[in-house]
Every structure is written in C-alpha cells, then in structure tokens.
C-alpha cells in the first residue's frame, strides 16, 4: 500500500476522533538482522486528550487528512 502521511500532517479518525499530528509510520526491527523496516499501514500519531498528550498507533485506513472532513 502506498504511504500517504508524513511527519506533522494533521489527521482525524474516520470515526470523528480528536485532531492528531502524524509522527510517522511504525518502524519494526528484524530481530535476526537488526534491519529496520517502516510499516506501510500503521501510523504513529500524537494528540491531546483534554488533560494530556497521548501517543497511539492506528491503521492508516482509519485516518483522514483534516481537510478531507466535511464541516
């Protein structure tokens, strides 16, 4: 799947979640070789819950660019 998000993009969940800032795609380490592989599906995001900042990982299909959301 083609990656579409980059660091700093503001996104929201399809289910109308909070505004989130993209940190980037999840990076996995191969335990045998130590090679790092960037996921093409899982995205790390940071958002404010109203009390604190939180970091979570979501599948990119659950996220929309903020300008794709109809107001």
PDB file of N, CA and C in Angstrom:
ATOM      1  N   UNK A   1       0.843  -1.182   0.000  1.00  0.00           N
ATOM      2  CA  UNK A   1       0.000   0.000   0.000  1.00  0.00           C
ATOM      3  C   UNK A   1       0.889   1.246   0.000  1.00  0.00           C
ATOM      4  N   UNK A   2       0.532   2.226  -0.760  1.00  0.00           N
ATOM      5  CA  UNK A   2       1.316   3.443  -0.853  1.00  0.00           C
ATOM      6  C   UNK A   2       1.140   4.299   0.393  1.00  0.00           C
ATOM      7  N   UNK A   3       2.247   4.800   0.929  1.00  0.00           N
ATOM      8  CA  UNK A   3       2.166   5.664   2.102  1.00  0.00           C
ATOM      9  C   UNK A   3       1.692   7.052   1.683  1.00  0.00           C
ATOM     10  N   UNK A   4       0.878   7.659   2.534  1.00  0.00           N
ATOM     11  CA  UNK A   4       0.362   8.971   2.181  1.00  0.00           C
ATOM     12  C   UNK A   4       0.564  10.020   3.254  1.00  0.00           C
ATOM     13  N   UNK A   5       0.909   9.627   4.489  1.00  0.00           N
ATOM     14  CA  UNK A   5       1.075  10.593   5.566  1.00  0.00           C
ATOM     15  C   UNK A   5       2.552  10.890   5.798  1.00  0.00           C
ATOM     16  N   UNK A   6       2.849  12.111   6.228  1.00  0.00           N
ATOM     17  CA  UNK A   6       4.212  12.481   6.575  1.00  0.00           C
ATOM     18  C   UNK A   6       4.199  13.196   7.920  1.00  0.00           C
ATOM     19  N   UNK A   7       5.353  13.307   8.526  1.00  0.00           N
ATOM     20  CA  UNK A   7       5.504  13.942   9.830  1.00  0.00           C
ATOM     21  C   UNK A   7       4.830  15.305   9.852  1.00  0.00           C
ATOM     22  N   UNK A   8       3.980  15.523  10.848  1.00  0.00           N
ATOM     23  CA  UNK A   8       3.335  16.820  11.025  1.00  0.00           C
ATOM     24  C   UNK A   8       1.970  16.954  10.396  1.00  0.00           C
ATOM     25  N   UNK A   9       1.565  16.008   9.537  1.00  0.00           N
ATOM     26  CA  UNK A   9       0.215  16.076   8.973  1.00  0.00           C
ATOM     27  C   UNK A   9      -0.804  16.049  10.098  1.00  0.00           C
ATOM     28  N   UNK A  10      -1.844  16.865   9.984  1.00  0.00           N
ATOM     29  CA  UNK A  10      -2.932  16.838  10.954  1.00  0.00           C
ATOM     30  C   UNK A  10      -4.032  15.960  10.391  1.00  0.00           C
ATOM     31  N   UNK A  11      -4.414  14.943  11.161  1.00  0.00           N
ATOM     32  CA  UNK A  11      -5.385  13.954  10.708  1.00  0.00           C
ATOM     33  C   UNK A  11      -6.456  13.757  11.778  1.00  0.00           C
ATOM     34  N   UNK A  12      -7.560  13.154  11.382  1.00  0.00           N
ATOM     35  CA  UNK A  12      -8.599  12.757  12.325  1.00  0.00           C
ATOM     36  C   UNK A  12      -8.988  11.320  12.018  1.00  0.00           C
ATOM     37  N   UNK A  13      -9.572  10.647  13.019  1.00  0.00           N
ATOM     38  CA  UNK A  13     -10.050   9.289  12.785  1.00  0.00           C
ATOM     39  C   UNK A  13     -11.329   9.344  11.979  1.00  0.00           C
ATOM     40  N   UNK A  14     -11.560   8.330  11.174  1.00  0.00           N
ATOM     41  CA  UNK A  14     -12.773   8.227  10.380  1.00  0.00           C
ATOM     42  C   UNK A  14     -13.992   8.315  11.291  1.00  0.00           C
ATOM     43  N   UNK A  15     -13.876   7.782  12.494  1.00  0.00           N
ATOM     44  CA  UNK A  15     -14.979   7.786  13.457  1.00  0.00           C
ATOM     45  C   UNK A  15     -15.056   9.102  14.232  1.00  0.00           C
ATOM     46  N   UNK A  16     -14.576  10.183  13.628  1.00  0.00           N
ATOM     47  CA  UNK A  16     -14.675  11.521  14.216  1.00  0.00           C
ATOM     48  C   UNK A  16     -13.939  11.641  15.542  1.00  0.00           C
ATOM     49  N   UNK A  17     -12.709  11.201  15.551  1.00  0.00           N
ATOM     50  CA  UNK A  17     -11.895  11.304  16.756  1.00  0.00           C
ATOM     51  C   UNK A  17     -11.236  12.669  16.876  1.00  0.00           C
ATOM     52  N   UNK A  18     -10.337  12.815  17.841  1.00  0.00           N
ATOM     53  CA  UNK A  18      -9.645  14.101  18.045  1.00  0.00           C
ATOM     54  C   UNK A  18      -8.667  14.391  16.913  1.00  0.00           C
ATOM     55  N   UNK A  19      -8.304  15.662  16.773  1.00  0.00           N
ATOM     56  CA  UNK A  19      -7.269  16.011  15.796  1.00  0.00           C
ATOM     57  C   UNK A  19      -5.955  15.431  16.274  1.00  0.00           C
ATOM     58  N   UNK A  20      -5.209  14.846  15.352  1.00  0.00           N
ATOM     59  CA  UNK A  20      -3.947  14.196  15.685  1.00  0.00           C
ATOM     60  C   UNK A  20      -2.847  14.660  14.747  1.00  0.00           C
ATOM     61  N   UNK A  21      -1.627  14.715  15.246  1.00  0.00           N
ATOM     62  CA  UNK A  21      -0.471  15.045  14.417  1.00  0.00           C
ATOM     63  C   UNK A  21       0.295  13.764  14.131  1.00  0.00           C
ATOM     64  N   UNK A  22       0.616  13.549  12.871  1.00  0.00           N
ATOM     65  CA  UNK A  22       1.325  12.338  12.459  1.00  0.00           C
ATOM     66  C   UNK A  22       2.796  12.423  12.861  1.00  0.00           C
ATOM     67  N   UNK A  23       3.288  11.377  13.509  1.00  0.00           N
ATOM     68  CA  UNK A  23       4.714  11.254  13.821  1.00  0.00           C
ATOM     69  C   UNK A  23       5.438  10.497  12.718  1.00  0.00           C
ATOM     70  N   UNK A  24       4.728   9.594  12.092  1.00  0.00           N
ATOM     71  CA  UNK A  24       5.327   8.786  11.031  1.00  0.00           C
ATOM     72  C   UNK A  24       4.799   7.371  11.102  1.00  0.00           C
ATOM     73  N   UNK A  25       5.273   6.551  10.197  1.00  0.00           N
ATOM     74  CA  UNK A  25       4.849   5.161  10.166  1.00  0.00           C
ATOM     75  C   UNK A  25       5.642   4.353  11.191  1.00  0.00           C
ATOM     76  N   UNK A  26       5.040   3.294  11.690  1.00  0.00           N
ATOM     77  CA  UNK A  26       5.682   2.430  12.678  1.00  0.00           C
ATOM     78  C   UNK A  26       6.929   1.799  12.063  1.00  0.00           C
ATOM     79  N   UNK A  27       8.014   1.761  12.836  1.00  0.00           N
ATOM     80  CA  UNK A  27       9.255   1.137  12.383  1.00  0.00           C
ATOM     81  C   UNK A  27       9.458  -0.146  13.187  1.00  0.00           C
ATOM     82  N   UNK A  28       9.628  -1.249  12.476  1.00  0.00           N
ATOM     83  CA  UNK A  28       9.851  -2.550  13.105  1.00  0.00           C
ATOM     84  C   UNK A  28      11.291  -2.978  12.899  1.00  0.00           C
ATOM     85  N   UNK A  29      11.855  -3.637  13.915  1.00  0.00           N
ATOM     86  CA  UNK A  29      13.224  -4.130  13.810  1.00  0.00           C
ATOM     87  C   UNK A  29      13.212  -5.644  13.645  1.00  0.00           C
ATOM     88  N   UNK A  30      13.931  -6.128  12.638  1.00  0.00           N
ATOM     89  CA  UNK A  30      14.086  -7.564  12.430  1.00  0.00           C
ATOM     90  C   UNK A  30      15.042  -8.080  13.504  1.00  0.00           C
ATOM     91  N   UNK A  31      14.581  -8.995  14.344  1.00  0.00           N
ATOM     92  CA  UNK A  31      15.406  -9.447  15.465  1.00  0.00           C
ATOM     93  C   UNK A  31      16.632 -10.240  15.035  1.00  0.00           C
ATOM     94  N   UNK A  32      16.612 -10.812  13.855  1.00  0.00           N
ATOM     95  CA  UNK A  32      17.764 -11.587  13.373  1.00  0.00           C
ATOM     96  C   UNK A  32      18.835 -10.694  12.763  1.00  0.00           C
ATOM     97  N   UNK A  33      18.424  -9.737  11.938  1.00  0.00           N
ATOM     98  CA  UNK A  33      19.399  -8.916  11.212  1.00  0.00           C
ATOM     99  C   UNK A  33      19.565  -7.521  11.805  1.00  0.00           C
ATOM    100  N   UNK A  34      18.598  -7.087  12.599  1.00  0.00           N
ATOM    101  CA  UNK A  34      18.657  -5.735  13.148  1.00  0.00           C
ATOM    102  C   UNK A  34      18.191  -4.680  12.160  1.00  0.00           C
ATOM    103  N   UNK A  35      17.758  -5.109  10.974  1.00  0.00           N
ATOM    104  CA  UNK A  35      17.309  -4.171   9.947  1.00  0.00           C
ATOM    105  C   UNK A  35      15.982  -3.523  10.368  1.00  0.00           C
ATOM    106  N   UNK A  36      15.864  -2.243  10.088  1.00  0.00           N
ATOM    107  CA  UNK A  36      14.647  -1.509  10.398  1.00  0.00           C
ATOM    108  C   UNK A  36      13.771  -1.422   9.158  1.00  0.00           C
ATOM    109  N   UNK A  37      12.493  -1.719   9.329  1.00  0.00           N
ATOM    110  CA  UNK A  37      11.548  -1.675   8.226  1.00  0.00           C
ATOM    111  C   UNK A  37      10.371  -0.802   8.609  1.00  0.00           C
ATOM    112  N   UNK A  38      10.084   0.197   7.777  1.00  0.00           N
ATOM    113  CA  UNK A  38       8.952   1.085   8.037  1.00  0.00           C
ATOM    114  C   UNK A  38       7.670   0.423   7.557  1.00  0.00           C
ATOM    115  N   UNK A  39       6.661   0.409   8.412  1.00  0.00           N
ATOM    116  CA  UNK A  39       5.361  -0.164   8.050  1.00  0.00           C
ATOM    117  C   UNK A  39       4.744   0.660   6.933  1.00  0.00           C
ATOM    118  N   UNK A  40       3.939   0.011   6.103  1.00  0.00           N
ATOM    119  CA  UNK A  40       3.220   0.772   5.082  1.00  0.00           C
ATOM    120  C   UNK A  40       1.742   0.866   5.443  1.00  0.00           C
ATOM    121  N   UNK A  41       1.388   0.513   6.695  1.00  0.00           N
ATOM    122  CA  UNK A  41      -0.010   0.551   7.114  1.00  0.00           C
ATOM    123  C   UNK A  41      -0.231   1.219   8.465  1.00  0.00           C
ATOM    124  N   UNK A  42       0.684   1.010   9.422  1.00  0.00           N
ATOM    125  CA  UNK A  42       0.475   1.505  10.783  1.00  0.00           C
ATOM    126  C   UNK A  42       1.148   2.856  10.991  1.00  0.00           C
ATOM    127  N   UNK A  43       0.372   3.821  11.500  1.00  0.00           N
ATOM    128  CA  UNK A  43       0.829   5.201  11.653  1.00  0.00           C
ATOM    129  C   UNK A  43       0.857   5.585  13.128  1.00  0.00           C
ATOM    130  N   UNK A  44       1.974   6.165  13.587  1.00  0.00           N
ATOM    131  CA  UNK A  44       2.059   6.723  14.936  1.00  0.00           C
ATOM    132  C   UNK A  44       1.534   8.148  14.914  1.00  0.00           C
ATOM    133  N   UNK A  45       0.668   8.480  15.863  1.00  0.00           N
ATOM    134  CA  UNK A  45       0.112   9.826  15.961  1.00  0.00           C
ATOM    135  C   UNK A  45       0.168  10.313  17.400  1.00  0.00           C
ATOM    136  N   UNK A  46       0.160  11.644  17.569  1.00  0.00           N
ATOM    137  CA  UNK A  46       0.120  12.277  18.881  1.00  0.00           C
ATOM    138  C   UNK A  46      -1.108  13.179  18.908  1.00  0.00           C
ATOM    139  N   UNK A  47      -1.824  13.163  20.031  1.00  0.00           N
ATOM    140  CA  UNK A  47      -2.995  14.032  20.159  1.00  0.00           C
ATOM    141  C   UNK A  47      -3.196  14.425  21.612  1.00  0.00           C
ATOM    142  N   UNK A  48      -3.999  15.453  21.824  1.00  0.00           N
ATOM    143  CA  UNK A  48      -4.277  15.972  23.166  1.00  0.00           C
ATOM    144  C   UNK A  48      -5.644  15.480  23.608  1.00  0.00           C
ATOM    145  N   UNK A  49      -5.722  14.867  24.780  1.00  0.00           N
ATOM    146  CA  UNK A  49      -6.971  14.288  25.269  1.00  0.00           C
ATOM    147  C   UNK A  49      -7.826  15.287  26.031  1.00  0.00           C
ATOM    148  N   UNK A  50      -7.323  16.484  26.253  1.00  0.00           N
ATOM    149  CA  UNK A  50      -8.006  17.465  27.091  1.00  0.00           C
ATOM    150  C   UNK A  50      -7.301  17.605  28.426  1.00  0.00           C
ATOM    151  N   UNK A  51      -6.535  16.588  28.786  1.00  0.00           N
ATOM    152  CA  UNK A  51      -5.777  16.605  30.029  1.00  0.00           C
ATOM    153  C   UNK A  51      -4.277  16.404  29.800  1.00  0.00           C
ATOM    154  N   UNK A  52      -3.952  15.601  28.773  1.00  0.00           N
ATOM    155  CA  UNK A  52      -2.546  15.300  28.499  1.00  0.00           C
ATOM    156  C   UNK A  52      -2.386  14.902  27.036  1.00  0.00           C
ATOM    157  N   UNK A  53      -1.132  14.909  26.586  1.00  0.00           N
ATOM    158  CA  UNK A  53      -0.840  14.417  25.242  1.00  0.00           C
ATOM    159  C   UNK A  53      -0.738  12.902  25.290  1.00  0.00           C
ATOM    160  N   UNK A  54      -1.203  12.263  24.229  1.00  0.00           N
ATOM    161  CA  UNK A  54      -1.188  10.805  24.151  1.00  0.00           C
ATOM    162  C   UNK A  54      -0.622  10.398  22.799  1.00  0.00           C
ATOM    163  N   UNK A  55       0.086   9.277  22.773  1.00  0.00           N
ATOM    164  CA  UNK A  55       0.649   8.728  21.543  1.00  0.00           C
ATOM    165  C   UNK A  55      -0.017   7.377  21.301  1.00  0.00           C
ATOM    166  N   UNK A  56      -0.491   7.157  20.080  1.00  0.00           N
ATOM    167  CA  UNK A  56      -1.136   5.901  19.725  1.00  0.00           C
ATOM    168  C   UNK A  56      -0.736   5.496  18.316  1.00  0.00           C
ATOM    169  N   UNK A  57      -1.061   4.269  17.982  1.00  0.00           N
ATOM    170  CA  UNK A  57      -0.813   3.738  16.648  1.00  0.00           C
ATOM    171  C   UNK A  57      -2.137   3.304  16.040  1.00  0.00           C
ATOM    172  N   UNK A  58      -2.385   3.708  14.792  1.00  0.00           N
ATOM    173  CA  UNK A  58      -3.614   3.351  14.096  1.00  0.00           C
ATOM    174  C   UNK A  58      -3.280   2.863  12.690  1.00  0.00           C
ATOM    175  N   UNK A  59      -4.161   2.051  12.132  1.00  0.00           N
ATOM    176  CA  UNK A  59      -4.035   1.660  10.734  1.00  0.00           C
ATOM    177  C   UNK A  59      -4.348   2.902   9.901  1.00  0.00           C
ATOM    178  N   UNK A  60      -3.588   3.146   8.838  1.00  0.00           N
ATOM    179  CA  UNK A  60      -3.769   4.367   8.060  1.00  0.00           C
ATOM    180  C   UNK A  60      -5.165   4.481   7.443  1.00  0.00           C
ATOM    181  N   UNK A  61      -5.854   3.354   7.242  1.00  0.00           N
ATOM    182  CA  UNK A  61      -7.205   3.412   6.681  1.00  0.00           C
ATOM    183  C   UNK A  61      -8.216   4.023   7.644  1.00  0.00           C
ATOM    184  N   UNK A  62      -7.850   4.152   8.924  1.00  0.00           N
ATOM    185  CA  UNK A  62      -8.745   4.763   9.910  1.00  0.00           C
ATOM    186  C   UNK A  62      -8.551   6.270  10.020  1.00  0.00           C
ATOM    187  N   UNK A  63      -7.586   6.811   9.266  1.00  0.00           N
ATOM    188  CA  UNK A  63      -7.250   8.228   9.385  1.00  0.00           C
ATOM    189  C   UNK A  63      -7.569   8.993   8.103  1.00  0.00           C
ATOM    190  N   UNK A  64      -7.991  10.229   8.278  1.00  0.00           N
ATOM    191  CA  UNK A  64      -8.258  11.138   7.160  1.00  0.00           C
ATOM    192  C   UNK A  64      -7.487  12.425   7.388  1.00  0.00           C
ATOM    193  N   UNK A  65      -7.025  13.041   6.295  1.00  0.00           N
ATOM    194  CA  UNK A  65      -6.457  14.381   6.414  1.00  0.00           C
ATOM    195  C   UNK A  65      -7.546  15.321   6.912  1.00  0.00           C
ATOM    196  N   UNK A  66      -7.166  16.285   7.726  1.00  0.00           N
ATOM    197  CA  UNK A  66      -8.130  17.209   8.313  1.00  0.00           C
ATOM    198  C   UNK A  66      -8.953  17.932   7.242  1.00  0.00           C
ATOM    199  N   UNK A  67      -8.350  18.217   6.097  1.00  0.00           N
ATOM    200  CA  UNK A  67      -9.092  18.940   5.047  1.00  0.00           C
ATOM    201  C   UNK A  67     -10.030  18.031   4.249  1.00  0.00           C
ATOM    202  N   UNK A  68     -10.028  16.720   4.531  1.00  0.00           N
ATOM    203  CA  UNK A  68     -10.960  15.800   3.873  1.00  0.00           C
ATOM    204  C   UNK A  68     -12.282  15.695   4.635  1.00  0.00           C
ATOM    205  N   UNK A  69     -12.325  16.279   5.825  1.00  0.00           N
ATOM    206  CA  UNK A  69     -13.512  16.173   6.668  1.00  0.00           C
ATOM    207  C   UNK A  69     -14.466  17.308   6.352  1.00  0.00           C
ATOM    208  N   UNK A  70     -15.710  16.954   6.064  1.00  0.00           N
ATOM    209  CA  UNK A  70     -16.717  17.978   5.794  1.00  0.00           C
ATOM    210  C   UNK A  70     -17.163  18.600   7.099  1.00  0.00           C
ATOM    211  N   UNK A  71     -17.304  19.920   7.087  1.00  0.00           N
ATOM    212  CA  UNK A  71     -17.729  20.611   8.302  1.00  0.00           C
ATOM    213  C   UNK A  71     -19.169  20.983   8.231  1.00  0.00           C
TER     214      UNK A  71
END
